[in-house]
Amino acid sequence: MKGQTTGAITRSHDSTRFDVAIIGCGFEGGVLGTILARHGYKVLMV
């Protein structure tokens, strides 16, 4: 895993990239974003 490790926290140098971008965060977008984030995806909600 790349990045810096400080104790139990690992920080990636590439912190501005997201796996998924959800545009229009109504109820359905929020639910979808929550599900994806809980499965380990980096989610951007706009």
N, C-alpha and C. Protein backbone atom coordinates (compact mmCIF):
# COMPACT_ATOMS: atom_id res chain seq x y z
N MET A 1 0.84 -1.17 0.00
CA MET A 1 0.00 0.00 0.00
C MET A 1 0.89 1.23 0.00
N LYS A 2 0.64 2.16 -0.91
CA LYS A 2 1.47 3.35 -0.94
C LYS A 2 0.90 4.43 -0.03
N GLY A 3 1.74 5.36 0.36
CA GLY A 3 1.31 6.44 1.23
C GLY A 3 2.10 6.41 2.53
N GLN A 4 1.77 7.33 3.41
CA GLN A 4 2.44 7.41 4.70
C GLN A 4 1.62 6.65 5.73
N THR A 5 2.32 6.00 6.64
CA THR A 5 1.64 5.30 7.71
C THR A 5 2.01 5.94 9.04
N THR A 6 1.00 6.37 9.78
CA THR A 6 1.20 6.96 11.10
C THR A 6 0.31 6.20 12.07
N GLY A 7 0.90 5.31 12.83
CA GLY A 7 0.10 4.49 13.74
C GLY A 7 -0.83 3.59 12.94
N ALA A 8 -2.12 3.73 13.17
CA ALA A 8 -3.10 2.91 12.46
C ALA A 8 -3.69 3.63 11.25
N ILE A 9 -3.23 4.87 11.00
CA ILE A 9 -3.80 5.67 9.91
C ILE A 9 -2.86 5.63 8.71
N THR A 10 -3.40 5.31 7.55
CA THR A 10 -2.62 5.33 6.31
C THR A 10 -3.16 6.45 5.44
N ARG A 11 -2.29 7.35 5.03
CA ARG A 11 -2.70 8.47 4.19
C ARG A 11 -2.09 8.30 2.81
N SER A 12 -2.91 8.38 1.82
CA SER A 12 -2.46 8.26 0.44
C SER A 12 -2.05 9.63 -0.07
N HIS A 13 -1.05 9.66 -0.93
CA HIS A 13 -0.64 10.92 -1.54
C HIS A 13 -1.65 11.38 -2.58
N ASP A 14 -2.49 10.49 -3.02
CA ASP A 14 -3.46 10.76 -4.07
C ASP A 14 -4.85 10.92 -3.45
N SER A 15 -5.02 11.93 -2.61
CA SER A 15 -6.25 12.04 -1.83
C SER A 15 -7.37 12.76 -2.57
N THR A 16 -7.13 13.26 -3.78
CA THR A 16 -8.18 13.99 -4.49
C THR A 16 -8.88 13.14 -5.54
N ARG A 17 -8.58 11.87 -5.64
CA ARG A 17 -9.24 11.00 -6.61
C ARG A 17 -10.36 10.24 -5.94
N PHE A 18 -11.44 10.09 -6.68
CA PHE A 18 -12.60 9.37 -6.18
C PHE A 18 -12.92 8.23 -7.13
N ASP A 19 -13.49 7.17 -6.61
CA ASP A 19 -13.91 6.04 -7.44
C ASP A 19 -15.24 6.32 -8.11
N VAL A 20 -16.12 7.05 -7.42
CA VAL A 20 -17.48 7.30 -7.92
C VAL A 20 -17.84 8.75 -7.63
N ALA A 21 -18.47 9.42 -8.59
CA ALA A 21 -19.03 10.76 -8.38
C ALA A 21 -20.54 10.67 -8.60
N ILE A 22 -21.30 11.09 -7.61
CA ILE A 22 -22.76 11.07 -7.70
C ILE A 22 -23.23 12.51 -7.83
N ILE A 23 -23.92 12.80 -8.93
CA ILE A 23 -24.40 14.16 -9.18
C ILE A 23 -25.90 14.17 -8.91
N GLY A 24 -26.34 15.09 -8.09
CA GLY A 24 -27.74 15.15 -7.70
C GLY A 24 -27.98 14.25 -6.51
N CYS A 25 -27.65 14.74 -5.34
CA CYS A 25 -27.71 13.90 -4.14
C CYS A 25 -29.04 14.06 -3.43
N GLY A 26 -30.07 13.54 -4.03
CA GLY A 26 -31.34 13.44 -3.32
C GLY A 26 -31.29 12.23 -2.40
N PHE A 27 -32.43 11.72 -2.06
CA PHE A 27 -32.48 10.56 -1.16
C PHE A 27 -31.79 9.35 -1.78
N GLU A 28 -32.09 9.09 -3.06
CA GLU A 28 -31.51 7.92 -3.72
C GLU A 28 -30.00 8.05 -3.87
N GLY A 29 -29.53 9.26 -4.21
CA GLY A 29 -28.09 9.47 -4.33
C GLY A 29 -27.37 9.29 -3.00
N GLY A 30 -28.01 9.74 -1.93
CA GLY A 30 -27.42 9.57 -0.60
C GLY A 30 -27.34 8.12 -0.19
N VAL A 31 -28.39 7.37 -0.50
CA VAL A 31 -28.39 5.94 -0.18
C VAL A 31 -27.32 5.21 -0.99
N LEU A 32 -27.26 5.51 -2.28
CA LEU A 32 -26.25 4.87 -3.14
C LEU A 32 -24.84 5.23 -2.67
N GLY A 33 -24.60 6.50 -2.34
CA GLY A 33 -23.29 6.92 -1.85
C GLY A 33 -22.91 6.24 -0.55
N THR A 34 -23.88 6.08 0.33
CA THR A 34 -23.63 5.40 1.61
C THR A 34 -23.27 3.94 1.40
N ILE A 35 -24.01 3.27 0.53
CA ILE A 35 -23.74 1.86 0.26
C ILE A 35 -22.35 1.68 -0.34
N LEU A 36 -22.02 2.51 -1.33
CA LEU A 36 -20.71 2.39 -1.97
C LEU A 36 -19.58 2.71 -1.00
N ALA A 37 -19.75 3.74 -0.16
CA ALA A 37 -18.72 4.11 0.81
C ALA A 37 -18.50 3.00 1.83
N ARG A 38 -19.57 2.33 2.23
CA ARG A 38 -19.43 1.24 3.20
C ARG A 38 -18.72 0.04 2.60
N HIS A 39 -18.72 -0.05 1.28
CA HIS A 39 -18.01 -1.13 0.60
C HIS A 39 -16.59 -0.73 0.21
N GLY A 40 -16.14 0.44 0.66
CA GLY A 40 -14.75 0.82 0.48
C GLY A 40 -14.45 1.74 -0.69
N TYR A 41 -15.47 2.21 -1.39
CA TYR A 41 -15.23 3.12 -2.51
C TYR A 41 -15.10 4.55 -1.98
N LYS A 42 -14.29 5.35 -2.67
CA LYS A 42 -14.22 6.78 -2.36
C LYS A 42 -15.31 7.46 -3.17
N VAL A 43 -16.24 8.12 -2.49
CA VAL A 43 -17.42 8.66 -3.14
C VAL A 43 -17.42 10.18 -3.03
N LEU A 44 -17.67 10.86 -4.15
CA LEU A 44 -17.84 12.31 -4.19
C LEU A 44 -19.30 12.57 -4.48
N MET A 45 -19.96 13.31 -3.59
CA MET A 45 -21.38 13.62 -3.79
C MET A 45 -21.51 15.12 -4.05
N VAL A 46 -22.07 15.45 -5.23
CA VAL A 46 -22.21 16.86 -5.63
C VAL A 46 -23.67 17.19 -5.76
